[in-house]
C-alpha atoms as a PDB file:
ATOM      1  CA  MET A   1       5.085  15.467  -7.356  1.00  0.00           C
ATOM      2  CA  HIS A   2       5.250  12.946 -10.191  1.00  0.00           C
ATOM      3  CA  ARG A   3       8.669  14.266 -11.164  1.00  0.00           C
ATOM      4  CA  THR A   4       9.914  14.058  -7.550  1.00  0.00           C
ATOM      5  CA  PHE A   5       9.117  10.350  -7.324  1.00  0.00           C
ATOM      6  CA  GLU A   6      10.339   9.716 -10.869  1.00  0.00           C
ATOM      7  CA  GLU A   7      13.717  11.294 -10.068  1.00  0.00           C
ATOM      8  CA  ALA A   8      14.003   9.308  -6.820  1.00  0.00           C
ATOM      9  CA  LEU A   9      13.328   6.094  -8.745  1.00  0.00           C
ATOM     10  CA  GLN A  10      15.939   7.019 -11.368  1.00  0.00           C
ATOM     11  CA  GLU A  11      18.520   7.756  -8.667  1.00  0.00           C
ATOM     12  CA  GLN A  12      17.879   4.279  -7.262  1.00  0.00           C
ATOM     13  CA  GLY A  13      18.064   2.563 -10.667  1.00  0.00           C
ATOM     14  CA  ARG A  14      14.337   1.850 -10.961  1.00  0.00           C
ATOM     15  CA  SER A  15      13.320   4.236 -13.716  1.00  0.00           C
ATOM     16  CA  ASP A  16      11.503   1.680 -15.883  1.00  0.00           C
ATOM     17  CA  ASN A  17       8.893   0.784 -13.280  1.00  0.00           C
ATOM     18  CA  ARG A  18       5.192   1.603 -13.423  1.00  0.00           C
ATOM     19  CA  PHE A  19       4.080   3.694 -10.445  1.00  0.00           C
ATOM     20  CA  PHE A  20       1.114   5.546  -9.000  1.00  0.00           C
ATOM     21  CA  ILE A  21       1.149   8.534  -6.634  1.00  0.00           C
ATOM     22  CA  THR A  22      -1.586  10.149  -4.597  1.00  0.00           C
ATOM     23  CA  PRO A  23      -1.826  12.528  -1.656  1.00  0.00           C
ATOM     24  CA  THR A  24      -2.532  10.982   1.720  1.00  0.00           C
ATOM     25  CA  ILE A  25      -5.895  11.530   3.318  1.00  0.00           C
ATOM     26  CA  PHE A  26      -6.801  14.998   4.610  1.00  0.00           C
ATOM     27  CA  ASN A  27      -3.811  16.845   3.150  1.00  0.00           C
ATOM     28  CA  ASN A  28      -1.601  17.593   0.177  1.00  0.00           C
ATOM     29  CA  LEU A  29       1.694  17.774   2.079  1.00  0.00           C
ATOM     30  CA  LEU A  30       2.264  14.018   2.362  1.00  0.00           C
ATOM     31  CA  TRP A  31       2.173  11.818  -0.725  1.00  0.00           C
ATOM     32  CA  ASN A  32       2.109   8.035  -1.195  1.00  0.00           C
ATOM     33  CA  ALA A  33       3.725   6.165  -4.045  1.00  0.00           C
ATOM     34  CA  VAL A  34       3.343   2.537  -5.044  1.00  0.00           C
ATOM     35  CA  VAL A  35       5.814   1.143  -7.562  1.00  0.00           C
ATOM     36  CA  ASP A  36       5.359  -2.134  -9.427  1.00  0.00           C
ATOM     37  CA  SER A  37       8.873  -3.515  -9.542  1.00  0.00           C
ATOM     38  CA  GLY A  38       7.976  -6.902 -10.986  1.00  0.00           C
ATOM     39  CA  ASP A  39       8.257  -9.441  -8.162  1.00  0.00           C
ATOM     40  CA  GLU A  40       7.204  -7.001  -5.450  1.00  0.00           C
ATOM     41  CA  PHE A  41       5.814  -3.546  -4.856  1.00  0.00           C
ATOM     42  CA  LEU A  42       7.736  -0.640  -3.407  1.00  0.00           C
ATOM     43  CA  LEU A  43       5.921   1.774  -1.115  1.00  0.00           C
ATOM     44  CA  ALA A  44       7.081   5.265  -0.227  1.00  0.00           C
ATOM     45  CA  GLN A  45       5.835   8.378   1.462  1.00  0.00           C
ATOM     46  CA  TYR A  46       7.172  11.838   0.769  1.00  0.00           C
ATOM     47  CA  SER A  47       6.293  15.102   2.453  1.00  0.00           C
ATOM     48  CA  ILE A  48       7.042  18.326   0.631  1.00  0.00           C
ATOM     49  CA  LEU A  49       8.680  19.315   3.935  1.00  0.00           C
ATOM     50  CA  ASP A  50      11.115  16.348   3.939  1.00  0.00           C
ATOM     51  CA  GLU A  51      14.816  17.109   4.164  1.00  0.00           C
ATOM     52  CA  VAL A  52      15.862  13.542   3.311  1.00  0.00           C
ATOM     53  CA  PRO A  53      15.686  11.409   0.142  1.00  0.00           C
ATOM     54  CA  ILE A  54      12.634   9.282  -0.537  1.00  0.00           C
ATOM     55  CA  ALA A  55      12.947   5.778   0.925  1.00  0.00           C
ATOM     56  CA  PHE A  56      11.196   2.950  -0.931  1.00  0.00           C
ATOM     57  CA  HIS A  57      10.101  -0.069   1.118  1.00  0.00           C
ATOM     58  CA  PRO A  58       9.596  -3.495  -0.522  1.00  0.00           C
ATOM     59  CA  VAL A  59       6.235  -5.198  -0.014  1.00  0.00           C
ATOM     60  CA  SER A  60       5.387  -8.710  -1.170  1.00  0.00           C
ATOM     61  CA  LYS A  61       2.683  -9.035  -3.789  1.00  0.00           C
ATOM     62  CA  GLY A  62       1.474 -12.112  -1.921  1.00  0.00           C
ATOM     63  CA  TYR A  63      -0.005 -13.636  -5.056  1.00  0.00           C
ATOM     64  CA  ASP A  64       1.183 -17.072  -3.921  1.00  0.00           C
ATOM     65  CA  GLU A  65      -1.550 -16.842  -1.245  1.00  0.00           C
ATOM     66  CA  LEU A  66      -4.246 -16.674  -3.946  1.00  0.00           C
ATOM     67  CA  HIS A  67      -5.622 -19.470  -6.093  1.00  0.00           C
ATOM     68  CA  ASN A  68      -6.972 -18.914  -9.606  1.00  0.00           C
ATOM     69  CA  LEU A  69      -5.596 -15.362  -9.693  1.00  0.00           C
ATOM     70  CA  GLU A  70      -6.081 -15.015 -13.443  1.00  0.00           C
ATOM     71  CA  THR A  71      -9.525 -16.634 -13.651  1.00  0.00           C
ATOM     72  CA  ASP A  72     -11.318 -15.898 -10.368  1.00  0.00           C
ATOM     73  CA  GLU A  73     -14.200 -13.475 -10.977  1.00  0.00           C
ATOM     74  CA  THR A  74     -13.907 -11.709  -7.612  1.00  0.00           C
ATOM     75  CA  LEU A  75     -10.149 -11.271  -7.942  1.00  0.00           C
ATOM     76  CA  GLY A  76     -10.688  -9.964 -11.471  1.00  0.00           C
ATOM     77  CA  VAL A  77     -13.008  -7.242 -10.207  1.00  0.00           C
ATOM     78  CA  LEU A  78     -10.610  -6.298  -7.405  1.00  0.00           C
ATOM     79  CA  ARG A  79      -7.652  -6.331  -9.809  1.00  0.00           C
ATOM     80  CA  TRP A  80      -9.588  -3.995 -12.136  1.00  0.00           C
ATOM     81  CA  PHE A  81     -10.749  -1.763  -9.272  1.00  0.00           C
ATOM     82  CA  SER A  82      -7.184  -1.348  -7.951  1.00  0.00           C
ATOM     83  CA  ALA A  83      -5.706  -0.858 -11.447  1.00  0.00           C
ATOM     84  CA  GLY A  84      -3.404  -3.795 -10.676  1.00  0.00           C
ATOM     85  CA  TYR A  85      -1.902  -2.119  -7.612  1.00  0.00           C
ATOM     86  CA  PHE A  86      -2.938  -4.697  -5.036  1.00  0.00           C
ATOM     87  CA  ASN A  87      -1.362  -7.257  -2.792  1.00  0.00           C
ATOM     88  CA  ALA A  88      -2.586 -10.096  -0.627  1.00  0.00           C
ATOM     89  CA  VAL A  89      -1.627 -10.637   3.005  1.00  0.00           C
ATOM     90  CA  ARG A  90      -2.551 -13.258   5.553  1.00  0.00           C
ATOM     91  CA  ARG A  91      -4.112 -11.735   8.687  1.00  0.00           C
ATOM     92  CA  GLU A  92      -3.249 -12.968  12.188  1.00  0.00           C
ATOM     93  CA  ASP A  93      -6.528 -14.922  12.305  1.00  0.00           C
ATOM     94  CA  GLY A  94      -5.515 -16.796   9.132  1.00  0.00           C
ATOM     95  CA  SER A  95      -7.942 -14.974   6.854  1.00  0.00           C
ATOM     96  CA  LEU A  96      -6.846 -13.468   3.567  1.00  0.00           C
ATOM     97  CA  GLN A  97      -6.865  -9.730   2.917  1.00  0.00           C
ATOM     98  CA  LEU A  98      -6.519  -7.931  -0.407  1.00  0.00           C
ATOM     99  CA  ASN A  99      -5.215  -4.337  -0.263  1.00  0.00           C
ATOM    100  CA  ASP A 100      -5.626  -1.542  -2.785  1.00  0.00           C
ATOM    101  CA  LEU A 101      -2.125  -0.077  -2.624  1.00  0.00           C
ATOM    102  CA  ARG A 102      -3.081   3.140  -4.425  1.00  0.00           C
ATOM    103  CA  PHE A 103      -4.433   4.409  -1.111  1.00  0.00           C
ATOM    104  CA  GLY A 104      -1.170   3.593   0.656  1.00  0.00           C
ATOM    105  CA  THR A 105      -0.535   2.692   4.255  1.00  0.00           C
ATOM    106  CA  PHE A 106      -0.469   4.701   7.433  1.00  0.00           C
ATOM    107  CA  SER A 107       3.240   4.042   8.031  1.00  0.00           C
ATOM    108  CA  GLY A 108       4.392   4.028   4.402  1.00  0.00           C
ATOM    109  CA  ARG A 109       5.952   0.613   5.047  1.00  0.00           C
ATOM    110  CA  ALA A 110       3.027  -1.851   5.345  1.00  0.00           C
ATOM    111  CA  GLU A 111       3.960  -2.883   8.876  1.00  0.00           C
ATOM    112  CA  ASP A 112       0.984  -5.237   9.309  1.00  0.00           C
ATOM    113  CA  ALA A 113      -2.418  -6.043   7.804  1.00  0.00           C
ATOM    114  CA  ASP A 114      -4.123  -3.164   9.649  1.00  0.00           C
ATOM    115  CA  ASP A 115      -1.628  -0.618   8.265  1.00  0.00           C
ATOM    116  CA  TYR A 116      -3.269  -0.667   4.820  1.00  0.00           C
ATOM    117  CA  ILE A 117      -5.759   2.146   4.325  1.00  0.00           C
ATOM    118  CA  PHE A 118      -8.143   0.407   1.872  1.00  0.00           C
ATOM    119  CA  ARG A 119      -8.578  -3.340   2.215  1.00  0.00           C
ATOM    120  CA  PHE A 120     -10.913  -6.219   1.451  1.00  0.00           C
ATOM    121  CA  LYS A 121     -11.215  -9.333   3.572  1.00  0.00           C
ATOM    122  CA  LEU A 122     -11.634 -12.323   1.255  1.00  0.00           C
ATOM    123  CA  ARG A 123     -13.764 -15.386   1.926  1.00  0.00           C
ATOM    124  CA  ASP A 124     -12.224 -18.495   0.416  1.00  0.00           C
ATOM    125  CA  HIS A 125     -14.885 -20.931  -0.820  1.00  0.00           C
ATOM    126  CA  GLY A 126     -12.377 -23.463  -2.174  1.00  0.00           C
ATOM    127  CA  LEU A 127     -10.450 -23.987  -5.391  1.00  0.00           C
ATOM    128  CA  THR A 128     -13.510 -24.396  -7.616  1.00  0.00           C
ATOM    129  CA  GLU A 129     -15.563 -21.455  -6.321  1.00  0.00           C
ATOM    130  CA  PRO A 130     -14.846 -17.737  -6.674  1.00  0.00           C
ATOM    131  CA  TYR A 131     -13.692 -15.829  -3.632  1.00  0.00           C
ATOM    132  CA  GLY A 132     -16.230 -13.780  -1.764  1.00  0.00           C
ATOM    133  CA  PHE A 133     -15.376 -10.609   0.068  1.00  0.00           C
ATOM    134  CA  GLU A 134     -16.665  -8.648   2.985  1.00  0.00           C
ATOM    135  CA  VAL A 135     -17.478  -4.965   2.910  1.00  0.00           C
ATOM    136  CA  ALA A 136     -14.405  -2.895   2.118  1.00  0.00           C
ATOM    137  CA  GLN A 137     -12.576  -1.734   5.184  1.00  0.00           C
ATOM    138  CA  GLY A 138     -10.758   1.541   5.356  1.00  0.00           C
ATOM    139  CA  GLY A 139      -8.903   3.415   8.004  1.00  0.00           C
ATOM    140  CA  PRO A 140      -7.219   2.143  11.108  1.00  0.00           C
ATOM    141  CA  PRO A 141      -8.749  -0.266  13.615  1.00  0.00           C
ATOM    142  CA  GLU A 142     -10.775   1.633  16.207  1.00  0.00           C
ATOM    143  CA  GLU A 143      -8.424   0.753  19.071  1.00  0.00           C
ATOM    144  CA  THR A 144      -5.382   2.260  17.298  1.00  0.00           C
ATOM    145  CA  ALA A 145      -7.062   4.930  15.173  1.00  0.00           C
ATOM    146  CA  GLU A 146      -5.969   7.961  17.169  1.00  0.00           C
ATOM    147  CA  GLU A 147      -2.323   6.877  17.357  1.00  0.00           C
ATOM    148  CA  MET A 148      -2.135   5.913  13.675  1.00  0.00           C
ATOM    149  CA  MET A 149      -3.737   9.169  12.538  1.00  0.00           C
ATOM    150  CA  MET A 150      -1.376  11.214  14.731  1.00  0.00           C
ATOM    151  CA  ASP A 151       1.595   9.324  13.253  1.00  0.00           C
ATOM    152  CA  LEU A 152       0.333  10.111   9.763  1.00  0.00           C
ATOM    153  CA  PHE A 153      -0.127  13.801  10.505  1.00  0.00           C
ATOM    154  CA  ASN A 154       3.284  13.986  12.205  1.00  0.00           C
ATOM    155  CA  ARG A 155       4.815  12.346   9.141  1.00  0.00           C
ATOM    156  CA  ALA A 156       3.280  15.059   6.939  1.00  0.00           C
ATOM    157  CA  ARG A 157       5.343  17.621   8.870  1.00  0.00           C
ATOM    158  CA  GLY A 158       8.435  16.253   7.143  1.00  0.00           C
ATOM    159  CA  LEU A 159      11.549  14.282   8.031  1.00  0.00           C
ATOM    160  CA  SER A 160      14.941  15.663   8.860  1.00  0.00           C
ATOM    161  CA  PRO A 161      18.138  13.574   8.721  1.00  0.00           C
ATOM    162  CA  GLU A 162      17.841  12.984  12.492  1.00  0.00           C
ATOM    163  CA  ASP A 163      14.463  11.275  12.325  1.00  0.00           C
ATOM    164  CA  SER A 164      14.619   9.561   8.950  1.00  0.00           C
ATOM    165  CA  PRO A 165      13.252   5.978   9.086  1.00  0.00           C
ATOM    166  CA  SER A 166      15.536   3.186   8.020  1.00  0.00           C
END
């Protein structure tokens, strides 16, 4: 699988980027990739049953949302835990969420804050105090869990040219 993603990156002129791949939950048909392309991350999903090329989707790192990124103790632990494959997003309620991108997203495109599979909700205590964080969240919100899991399993069945996402 590593070679499959590596070749797709080379075909798209991104062969010098650091990347991480892992199977999605509950299967080994559908794989996630996260690529560190410098200013942003690229996310992709690939099923061994796909009939179309791998599509990489840009995702903001969101580091401008964070203060003291290099010195904050909590962010340092989360950066270490995620091996540097993390981003920050602002949730609809205004709170800040850090996502471990190695676990991917349900859609493969990071459509919203709930799409990330493994996430931490940060508590901002101000510029001079380290962030706090709530218990790690994983999986879809309860109200959309069934639909999101069905979408993930359907995606594992592969894409044909007719149903390839843009």
